[in-house]
Amino acid sequence: HELVTLASEMRQRVHNQLAEMSPGEFKPRLIAPVGVSEHSARDLKVSSRGVIPQEDPLNREAVVGAVTGLGVLTRDGAVVGGDIILIQVSAFTGKYAQLNVTGLHGQVLKDSVQTAYNIVRSRFRDFGINEKLLRERVVAVHLTRIAEPKEGPSAGLAFVIGIVSALTGRAVKPACAATGEVSLFGEVTGVGGIPFKIKAAVKAGRKLVLIPAENAREVSHVPDEVLSQVELVPVRTIQEALLRVLESSMGQHS
């Protein structure tokens, strides 16, 4: 019996880590012998602990190229919750400018990153990016905690913020998150699941959340106890968003 219990607890720890790193593929569940409702080990009392907000460095530090996007969790085609998408962008010298994307689960996300990159390249002057630097830099985008493989377009604003941050050296302010689609004209357009996304941002300890201006009315569906913990900023353009979340001067690259 003790051997079975130990083996179950070890498998549970591995599964919890997989569910944390790739929630789109691994769902929280109990791995235990029949008749056991929970493990006795203290660290397994909660099946999915996640990152404690106070321990998340993005809630305390301004980091170049690191930005939090917001996505939705779906079941049978219906939105059942929200989650964060951690986006890490770096820019380094290469033979020619190109985009490298890692950590993806689907084509929709990849297309969204590519669209964001195209917007930055076409509007680089508006975003304060040096043209020579743009031509020489390889932009590498890495994504983690992608809860929904099909979630992508609504993370467009966050992708743009991360890419501009990496190419300008301007750090993203602490405890920020963003959601919104973006257009080649520099507009931020509406997305779905706003109440779920705001709750997910607050749960992760984010204090400032950018949302599309056309979604502002949906804030009324968020409980007051959640709204009291966050500042919501409706934006209509990418420029507005960048002014709000990027440090005014160059920071330290991560």
C-alpha atoms as a PDB file:
ATOM      1  CA  HIS A   1       0.000   0.000   0.000  1.00  0.00           C
ATOM      2  CA  GLU A   2       2.792   2.457   0.899  1.00  0.00           C
ATOM      3  CA  LEU A   3       4.581   1.733  -2.374  1.00  0.00           C
ATOM      4  CA  VAL A   4       1.409   2.395  -4.410  1.00  0.00           C
ATOM      5  CA  THR A   5       0.784   5.619  -2.495  1.00  0.00           C
ATOM      6  CA  LEU A   6       4.348   6.833  -3.077  1.00  0.00           C
ATOM      7  CA  ALA A   7       4.194   5.995  -6.790  1.00  0.00           C
ATOM      8  CA  SER A   8       0.854   7.821  -7.126  1.00  0.00           C
ATOM      9  CA  GLU A   9       2.205  10.915  -5.394  1.00  0.00           C
ATOM     10  CA  MET A  10       5.255  10.993  -7.664  1.00  0.00           C
ATOM     11  CA  ARG A  11       3.072  10.661 -10.760  1.00  0.00           C
ATOM     12  CA  GLN A  12       0.812  13.413  -9.399  1.00  0.00           C
ATOM     13  CA  ARG A  13       3.737  15.816  -9.037  1.00  0.00           C
ATOM     14  CA  VAL A  14       4.877  15.136 -12.616  1.00  0.00           C
ATOM     15  CA  HIS A  15       1.339  15.597 -13.930  1.00  0.00           C
ATOM     16  CA  ASN A  16       0.899  18.865 -12.002  1.00  0.00           C
ATOM     17  CA  GLN A  17       4.065  20.238 -13.594  1.00  0.00           C
ATOM     18  CA  LEU A  18       2.890  19.228 -17.073  1.00  0.00           C
ATOM     19  CA  ALA A  19      -0.506  20.832 -16.455  1.00  0.00           C
ATOM     20  CA  GLU A  20       1.247  24.032 -15.402  1.00  0.00           C
ATOM     21  CA  MET A  21       3.576  24.144 -18.416  1.00  0.00           C
ATOM     22  CA  SER A  22       1.065  23.032 -21.052  1.00  0.00           C
ATOM     23  CA  PRO A  23      -2.509  23.395 -19.793  1.00  0.00           C
ATOM     24  CA  GLY A  24      -3.892  22.975 -23.296  1.00  0.00           C
ATOM     25  CA  GLU A  25      -2.686  19.362 -23.337  1.00  0.00           C
ATOM     26  CA  PHE A  26      -2.719  18.309 -19.683  1.00  0.00           C
ATOM     27  CA  LYS A  27      -5.767  19.002 -17.504  1.00  0.00           C
ATOM     28  CA  PRO A  28      -5.631  19.009 -13.664  1.00  0.00           C
ATOM     29  CA  ARG A  29      -6.762  15.624 -12.324  1.00  0.00           C
ATOM     30  CA  LEU A  30      -6.238  13.375  -9.344  1.00  0.00           C
ATOM     31  CA  ILE A  31      -3.856  10.442  -9.783  1.00  0.00           C
ATOM     32  CA  ALA A  32      -4.459   8.124  -6.840  1.00  0.00           C
ATOM     33  CA  PRO A  33      -5.669   4.624  -5.905  1.00  0.00           C
ATOM     34  CA  VAL A  34      -9.410   3.946  -6.005  1.00  0.00           C
ATOM     35  CA  GLY A  35     -11.188   5.410  -2.988  1.00  0.00           C
ATOM     36  CA  VAL A  36      -8.575   8.137  -2.301  1.00  0.00           C
ATOM     37  CA  SER A  37     -10.063  11.651  -2.622  1.00  0.00           C
ATOM     38  CA  GLU A  38      -6.801  13.567  -2.101  1.00  0.00           C
ATOM     39  CA  HIS A  39      -3.144  12.997  -1.324  1.00  0.00           C
ATOM     40  CA  SER A  40      -1.822  13.308   2.203  1.00  0.00           C
ATOM     41  CA  ALA A  41       1.353  15.165   1.143  1.00  0.00           C
ATOM     42  CA  ARG A  42       1.054  18.851   2.005  1.00  0.00           C
ATOM     43  CA  ASP A  43       2.247  20.092  -1.389  1.00  0.00           C
ATOM     44  CA  LEU A  44      -0.438  18.046  -3.151  1.00  0.00           C
ATOM     45  CA  LYS A  45      -3.433  19.273  -1.204  1.00  0.00           C
ATOM     46  CA  VAL A  46      -4.256  21.584  -4.118  1.00  0.00           C
ATOM     47  CA  SER A  47      -4.214  19.912  -7.524  1.00  0.00           C
ATOM     48  CA  SER A  48      -3.101  23.006  -9.438  1.00  0.00           C
ATOM     49  CA  ARG A  49      -1.229  25.544  -7.380  1.00  0.00           C
ATOM     50  CA  GLY A  50       0.038  27.728 -10.197  1.00  0.00           C
ATOM     51  CA  VAL A  51       2.425  30.614  -9.568  1.00  0.00           C
ATOM     52  CA  ILE A  52       1.839  32.554  -6.367  1.00  0.00           C
ATOM     53  CA  PRO A  53       1.376  36.197  -7.507  1.00  0.00           C
ATOM     54  CA  GLN A  54       3.825  37.559  -4.927  1.00  0.00           C
ATOM     55  CA  GLU A  55       6.531  35.227  -6.288  1.00  0.00           C
ATOM     56  CA  ASP A  56       6.044  36.149  -9.949  1.00  0.00           C
ATOM     57  CA  PRO A  57       8.930  38.469 -10.944  1.00  0.00           C
ATOM     58  CA  LEU A  58       6.805  40.120 -13.649  1.00  0.00           C
ATOM     59  CA  ASN A  59       4.662  41.588 -10.880  1.00  0.00           C
ATOM     60  CA  ARG A  60       7.707  43.301  -9.376  1.00  0.00           C
ATOM     61  CA  GLU A  61      10.185  43.998 -12.184  1.00  0.00           C
ATOM     62  CA  ALA A  62      10.160  45.898 -15.477  1.00  0.00           C
ATOM     63  CA  VAL A  63      11.612  43.476 -18.041  1.00  0.00           C
ATOM     64  CA  VAL A  64      12.510  44.085 -21.678  1.00  0.00           C
ATOM     65  CA  GLY A  65      10.506  41.886 -24.044  1.00  0.00           C
ATOM     66  CA  ALA A  66       8.424  40.163 -21.342  1.00  0.00           C
ATOM     67  CA  VAL A  67       4.690  40.767 -21.535  1.00  0.00           C
ATOM     68  CA  THR A  68       1.546  39.012 -20.335  1.00  0.00           C
ATOM     69  CA  GLY A  69      -1.203  38.219 -22.818  1.00  0.00           C
ATOM     70  CA  LEU A  70      -4.671  36.989 -21.892  1.00  0.00           C
ATOM     71  CA  GLY A  71      -6.499  34.019 -23.399  1.00  0.00           C
ATOM     72  CA  VAL A  72      -9.639  32.000 -22.819  1.00  0.00           C
ATOM     73  CA  LEU A  73     -10.257  28.404 -21.831  1.00  0.00           C
ATOM     74  CA  THR A  74     -12.961  26.636 -23.825  1.00  0.00           C
ATOM     75  CA  ARG A  75     -14.891  23.409 -23.450  1.00  0.00           C
ATOM     76  CA  ASP A  76     -17.122  22.072 -26.220  1.00  0.00           C
ATOM     77  CA  GLY A  77     -16.855  25.408 -28.013  1.00  0.00           C
ATOM     78  CA  ALA A  78     -17.956  27.492 -25.022  1.00  0.00           C
ATOM     79  CA  VAL A  79     -15.741  29.826 -22.991  1.00  0.00           C
ATOM     80  CA  VAL A  80     -15.408  28.492 -19.443  1.00  0.00           C
ATOM     81  CA  GLY A  81     -12.534  30.566 -18.071  1.00  0.00           C
ATOM     82  CA  GLY A  82      -9.477  32.676 -18.730  1.00  0.00           C
ATOM     83  CA  ASP A  83      -5.725  32.285 -18.382  1.00  0.00           C
ATOM     84  CA  ILE A  84      -2.518  34.201 -18.967  1.00  0.00           C
ATOM     85  CA  ILE A  85      -0.047  33.722 -21.818  1.00  0.00           C
ATOM     86  CA  LEU A  86       3.552  34.576 -20.950  1.00  0.00           C
ATOM     87  CA  ILE A  87       5.357  36.098 -23.929  1.00  0.00           C
ATOM     88  CA  GLN A  88       9.135  36.494 -24.043  1.00  0.00           C
ATOM     89  CA  VAL A  89      10.727  38.383 -26.919  1.00  0.00           C
ATOM     90  CA  SER A  90      14.413  38.977 -27.620  1.00  0.00           C
ATOM     91  CA  ALA A  91      16.156  40.722 -30.515  1.00  0.00           C
ATOM     92  CA  PHE A  92      19.694  39.862 -31.578  1.00  0.00           C
ATOM     93  CA  THR A  93      21.980  40.461 -34.552  1.00  0.00           C
ATOM     94  CA  GLY A  94      21.674  38.103 -37.513  1.00  0.00           C
ATOM     95  CA  LYS A  95      22.552  37.998 -41.210  1.00  0.00           C
ATOM     96  CA  TYR A  96      19.133  39.462 -42.002  1.00  0.00           C
ATOM     97  CA  ALA A  97      15.921  40.354 -40.234  1.00  0.00           C
ATOM     98  CA  GLN A  98      13.662  37.430 -39.491  1.00  0.00           C
ATOM     99  CA  LEU A  99      11.110  36.121 -37.011  1.00  0.00           C
ATOM    100  CA  ASN A 100      11.590  32.947 -34.965  1.00  0.00           C
ATOM    101  CA  VAL A 101       8.671  31.625 -32.916  1.00  0.00           C
ATOM    102  CA  THR A 102       8.828  28.819 -30.353  1.00  0.00           C
ATOM    103  CA  GLY A 103       6.483  27.361 -27.785  1.00  0.00           C
ATOM    104  CA  LEU A 104       3.428  27.324 -30.059  1.00  0.00           C
ATOM    105  CA  HIS A 105       0.575  24.825 -30.170  1.00  0.00           C
ATOM    106  CA  GLY A 106      -1.201  25.826 -33.370  1.00  0.00           C
ATOM    107  CA  GLN A 107      -1.161  27.716 -36.644  1.00  0.00           C
ATOM    108  CA  VAL A 108      -3.563  30.414 -35.408  1.00  0.00           C
ATOM    109  CA  LEU A 109      -1.088  31.555 -32.758  1.00  0.00           C
ATOM    110  CA  LYS A 110       1.789  31.491 -35.218  1.00  0.00           C
ATOM    111  CA  ASP A 111      -0.196  33.593 -37.685  1.00  0.00           C
ATOM    112  CA  SER A 112      -1.023  36.082 -34.933  1.00  0.00           C
ATOM    113  CA  VAL A 113       2.654  36.519 -34.036  1.00  0.00           C
ATOM    114  CA  GLN A 114       3.525  36.954 -37.714  1.00  0.00           C
ATOM    115  CA  THR A 115       0.817  39.604 -38.104  1.00  0.00           C
ATOM    116  CA  ALA A 116       2.131  41.473 -35.068  1.00  0.00           C
ATOM    117  CA  TYR A 117       5.668  41.365 -36.497  1.00  0.00           C
ATOM    118  CA  ASN A 118       4.421  42.667 -39.856  1.00  0.00           C
ATOM    119  CA  ILE A 119       2.661  45.556 -38.116  1.00  0.00           C
ATOM    120  CA  VAL A 120       5.834  46.490 -36.249  1.00  0.00           C
ATOM    121  CA  ARG A 121       7.901  46.388 -39.456  1.00  0.00           C
ATOM    122  CA  SER A 122       5.399  48.537 -41.348  1.00  0.00           C
ATOM    123  CA  ARG A 123       4.965  51.102 -38.553  1.00  0.00           C
ATOM    124  CA  PHE A 124       8.442  51.030 -36.994  1.00  0.00           C
ATOM    125  CA  ARG A 125       8.869  54.809 -37.164  1.00  0.00           C
ATOM    126  CA  ASP A 126       5.663  55.355 -35.185  1.00  0.00           C
ATOM    127  CA  PHE A 127       6.972  52.992 -32.527  1.00  0.00           C
ATOM    128  CA  GLY A 128      10.411  54.637 -32.214  1.00  0.00           C
ATOM    129  CA  ILE A 129      12.386  51.741 -33.712  1.00  0.00           C
ATOM    130  CA  ASN A 130      15.678  52.445 -35.485  1.00  0.00           C
ATOM    131  CA  GLU A 131      15.444  51.402 -39.158  1.00  0.00           C
ATOM    132  CA  LYS A 132      19.013  50.062 -39.364  1.00  0.00           C
ATOM    133  CA  LEU A 133      18.489  48.018 -36.215  1.00  0.00           C
ATOM    134  CA  LEU A 134      15.214  46.644 -37.585  1.00  0.00           C
ATOM    135  CA  ARG A 135      16.988  45.390 -40.713  1.00  0.00           C
ATOM    136  CA  GLU A 136      19.685  43.596 -38.732  1.00  0.00           C
ATOM    137  CA  ARG A 137      17.777  42.012 -35.871  1.00  0.00           C
ATOM    138  CA  VAL A 138      16.406  38.523 -35.538  1.00  0.00           C
ATOM    139  CA  VAL A 139      13.269  38.699 -33.400  1.00  0.00           C
ATOM    140  CA  ALA A 140      12.728  35.566 -31.303  1.00  0.00           C
ATOM    141  CA  VAL A 141       9.320  35.086 -29.678  1.00  0.00           C
ATOM    142  CA  HIS A 142       8.778  32.368 -27.093  1.00  0.00           C
ATOM    143  CA  LEU A 143       5.414  31.610 -25.517  1.00  0.00           C
ATOM    144  CA  THR A 144       4.595  29.633 -22.395  1.00  0.00           C
ATOM    145  CA  ARG A 145       1.415  28.751 -20.507  1.00  0.00           C
ATOM    146  CA  ILE A 146      -0.647  28.578 -23.696  1.00  0.00           C
ATOM    147  CA  ALA A 147      -3.927  27.223 -22.400  1.00  0.00           C
ATOM    148  CA  GLU A 148      -5.889  27.164 -25.663  1.00  0.00           C
ATOM    149  CA  PRO A 149      -4.275  26.143 -28.971  1.00  0.00           C
ATOM    150  CA  LYS A 150      -6.750  28.185 -31.042  1.00  0.00           C
ATOM    151  CA  GLU A 151      -6.383  31.355 -28.975  1.00  0.00           C
ATOM    152  CA  GLY A 152      -4.301  33.775 -30.980  1.00  0.00           C
ATOM    153  CA  PRO A 153      -5.741  36.913 -32.573  1.00  0.00           C
ATOM    154  CA  SER A 154      -6.781  38.401 -29.233  1.00  0.00           C
ATOM    155  CA  ALA A 155      -3.152  38.187 -28.076  1.00  0.00           C
ATOM    156  CA  GLY A 156      -2.041  40.400 -30.969  1.00  0.00           C
ATOM    157  CA  LEU A 157      -1.644  43.526 -28.847  1.00  0.00           C
ATOM    158  CA  ALA A 158       0.536  41.688 -26.343  1.00  0.00           C
ATOM    159  CA  PHE A 159       2.719  40.342 -29.166  1.00  0.00           C
ATOM    160  CA  VAL A 160       3.232  43.843 -30.567  1.00  0.00           C
ATOM    161  CA  ILE A 161       4.113  45.221 -27.130  1.00  0.00           C
ATOM    162  CA  GLY A 162       6.716  42.486 -26.597  1.00  0.00           C
ATOM    163  CA  ILE A 163       8.299  42.936 -30.036  1.00  0.00           C
ATOM    164  CA  VAL A 164       8.488  46.741 -29.727  1.00  0.00           C
ATOM    165  CA  SER A 165       9.943  46.386 -26.226  1.00  0.00           C
ATOM    166  CA  ALA A 166      12.682  44.048 -27.479  1.00  0.00           C
ATOM    167  CA  LEU A 167      13.563  46.239 -30.478  1.00  0.00           C
ATOM    168  CA  THR A 168      13.673  49.507 -28.524  1.00  0.00           C
ATOM    169  CA  GLY A 169      15.116  48.252 -25.246  1.00  0.00           C
ATOM    170  CA  ARG A 170      12.192  49.826 -23.374  1.00  0.00           C
ATOM    171  CA  ALA A 171      11.066  47.535 -20.582  1.00  0.00           C
ATOM    172  CA  VAL A 172       7.464  46.520 -19.990  1.00  0.00           C
ATOM    173  CA  LYS A 173       6.236  47.968 -16.698  1.00  0.00           C
ATOM    174  CA  PRO A 174       5.615  45.524 -13.840  1.00  0.00           C
ATOM    175  CA  ALA A 175       2.268  43.788 -13.276  1.00  0.00           C
ATOM    176  CA  CYS A 176       0.806  44.553 -16.721  1.00  0.00           C
ATOM    177  CA  ALA A 177      -1.348  42.427 -19.018  1.00  0.00           C
ATOM    178  CA  ALA A 178      -2.999  43.124 -22.361  1.00  0.00           C
ATOM    179  CA  THR A 179      -5.640  41.714 -24.673  1.00  0.00           C
ATOM    180  CA  GLY A 180      -6.843  42.935 -28.052  1.00  0.00           C
ATOM    181  CA  GLU A 181      -6.603  42.262 -31.762  1.00  0.00           C
ATOM    182  CA  VAL A 182      -4.487  44.629 -33.844  1.00  0.00           C
ATOM    183  CA  SER A 183      -4.754  45.879 -37.420  1.00  0.00           C
ATOM    184  CA  LEU A 184      -2.171  47.016 -39.956  1.00  0.00           C
ATOM    185  CA  PHE A 185      -3.530  50.538 -39.436  1.00  0.00           C
ATOM    186  CA  GLY A 186      -2.424  50.479 -35.788  1.00  0.00           C
ATOM    187  CA  GLU A 187      -5.893  49.998 -34.315  1.00  0.00           C
ATOM    188  CA  VAL A 188      -6.790  47.818 -31.336  1.00  0.00           C
ATOM    189  CA  THR A 189     -10.061  45.980 -31.940  1.00  0.00           C
ATOM    190  CA  GLY A 190     -12.465  44.025 -29.758  1.00  0.00           C
ATOM    191  CA  VAL A 191     -12.082  40.468 -28.479  1.00  0.00           C
ATOM    192  CA  GLY A 192     -14.168  37.934 -26.592  1.00  0.00           C
ATOM    193  CA  GLY A 193     -14.080  36.653 -23.025  1.00  0.00           C
ATOM    194  CA  ILE A 194     -13.181  39.979 -21.396  1.00  0.00           C
ATOM    195  CA  PRO A 195     -14.633  39.185 -17.922  1.00  0.00           C
ATOM    196  CA  PHE A 196     -12.815  35.827 -17.846  1.00  0.00           C
ATOM    197  CA  LYS A 197      -9.551  37.432 -18.941  1.00  0.00           C
ATOM    198  CA  ILE A 198      -9.734  40.180 -16.323  1.00  0.00           C
ATOM    199  CA  LYS A 199     -10.289  37.600 -13.592  1.00  0.00           C
ATOM    200  CA  ALA A 200      -7.294  35.597 -14.848  1.00  0.00           C
ATOM    201  CA  ALA A 201      -5.090  38.702 -14.833  1.00  0.00           C
ATOM    202  CA  VAL A 202      -6.086  39.570 -11.266  1.00  0.00           C
ATOM    203  CA  LYS A 203      -5.512  35.978 -10.134  1.00  0.00           C
ATOM    204  CA  ALA A 204      -1.972  36.210 -11.555  1.00  0.00           C
ATOM    205  CA  GLY A 205      -1.348  39.433  -9.630  1.00  0.00           C
ATOM    206  CA  ARG A 206      -1.448  41.831 -12.578  1.00  0.00           C
ATOM    207  CA  LYS A 207      -2.497  45.338 -11.532  1.00  0.00           C
ATOM    208  CA  LEU A 208      -2.877  47.059 -14.921  1.00  0.00           C
ATOM    209  CA  VAL A 209      -4.827  45.486 -17.783  1.00  0.00           C
ATOM    210  CA  LEU A 210      -5.212  46.959 -21.257  1.00  0.00           C
ATOM    211  CA  ILE A 211      -8.442  46.104 -23.055  1.00  0.00           C
ATOM    212  CA  PRO A 212      -9.912  47.275 -26.382  1.00  0.00           C
ATOM    213  CA  ALA A 213     -12.063  50.396 -25.989  1.00  0.00           C
ATOM    214  CA  GLU A 214     -14.961  48.670 -27.749  1.00  0.00           C
ATOM    215  CA  ASN A 215     -15.029  46.048 -24.974  1.00  0.00           C
ATOM    216  CA  ALA A 216     -15.273  48.640 -22.179  1.00  0.00           C
ATOM    217  CA  ARG A 217     -18.986  47.983 -21.542  1.00  0.00           C
ATOM    218  CA  GLU A 218     -18.283  44.348 -20.688  1.00  0.00           C
ATOM    219  CA  VAL A 219     -16.402  45.419 -17.566  1.00  0.00           C
ATOM    220  CA  SER A 220     -19.813  45.718 -15.885  1.00  0.00           C
ATOM    221  CA  HIS A 221     -19.973  41.916 -15.874  1.00  0.00           C
ATOM    222  CA  VAL A 222     -16.880  41.668 -13.638  1.00  0.00           C
ATOM    223  CA  PRO A 223     -17.505  41.451  -9.857  1.00  0.00           C
ATOM    224  CA  ASP A 224     -16.609  44.551  -7.836  1.00  0.00           C
ATOM    225  CA  GLU A 225     -14.202  42.577  -5.640  1.00  0.00           C
ATOM    226  CA  VAL A 226     -12.191  41.770  -8.786  1.00  0.00           C
ATOM    227  CA  LEU A 227     -12.367  45.284 -10.257  1.00  0.00           C
ATOM    228  CA  SER A 228     -11.108  46.777  -7.001  1.00  0.00           C
ATOM    229  CA  GLN A 229      -7.790  44.953  -7.480  1.00  0.00           C
ATOM    230  CA  VAL A 230      -6.965  46.173 -10.970  1.00  0.00           C
ATOM    231  CA  GLU A 231      -6.755  49.282 -13.136  1.00  0.00           C
ATOM    232  CA  LEU A 232      -8.424  48.741 -16.507  1.00  0.00           C
ATOM    233  CA  VAL A 233      -7.291  50.923 -19.408  1.00  0.00           C
ATOM    234  CA  PRO A 234      -9.389  50.895 -22.613  1.00  0.00           C
ATOM    235  CA  VAL A 235      -7.240  51.644 -25.686  1.00  0.00           C
ATOM    236  CA  ARG A 236      -8.103  52.310 -29.328  1.00  0.00           C
ATOM    237  CA  THR A 237      -4.610  52.309 -30.832  1.00  0.00           C
ATOM    238  CA  ILE A 238      -1.319  50.491 -30.411  1.00  0.00           C
ATOM    239  CA  GLN A 239       0.330  53.849 -29.709  1.00  0.00           C
ATOM    240  CA  GLU A 240      -1.910  54.394 -26.683  1.00  0.00           C
ATOM    241  CA  ALA A 241      -1.013  50.957 -25.375  1.00  0.00           C
ATOM    242  CA  LEU A 242       2.741  51.430 -25.818  1.00  0.00           C
ATOM    243  CA  LEU A 243       2.663  54.783 -24.033  1.00  0.00           C
ATOM    244  CA  ARG A 244       0.906  53.169 -21.099  1.00  0.00           C
ATOM    245  CA  VAL A 245       2.941  49.991 -20.557  1.00  0.00           C
ATOM    246  CA  LEU A 246       6.491  50.683 -21.791  1.00  0.00           C
ATOM    247  CA  GLU A 247       9.091  52.488 -19.709  1.00  0.00           C
ATOM    248  CA  SER A 248      10.018  55.850 -21.223  1.00  0.00           C
ATOM    249  CA  SER A 249      13.733  55.003 -21.435  1.00  0.00           C
ATOM    250  CA  MET A 250      15.790  51.957 -22.302  1.00  0.00           C
ATOM    251  CA  GLY A 251      15.962  49.319 -19.585  1.00  0.00           C
ATOM    252  CA  GLN A 252      17.989  46.214 -18.947  1.00  0.00           C
ATOM    253  CA  HIS A 253      17.580  43.350 -21.415  1.00  0.00           C
ATOM    254  CA  SER A 254      16.478  40.052 -20.018  1.00  0.00           C
END
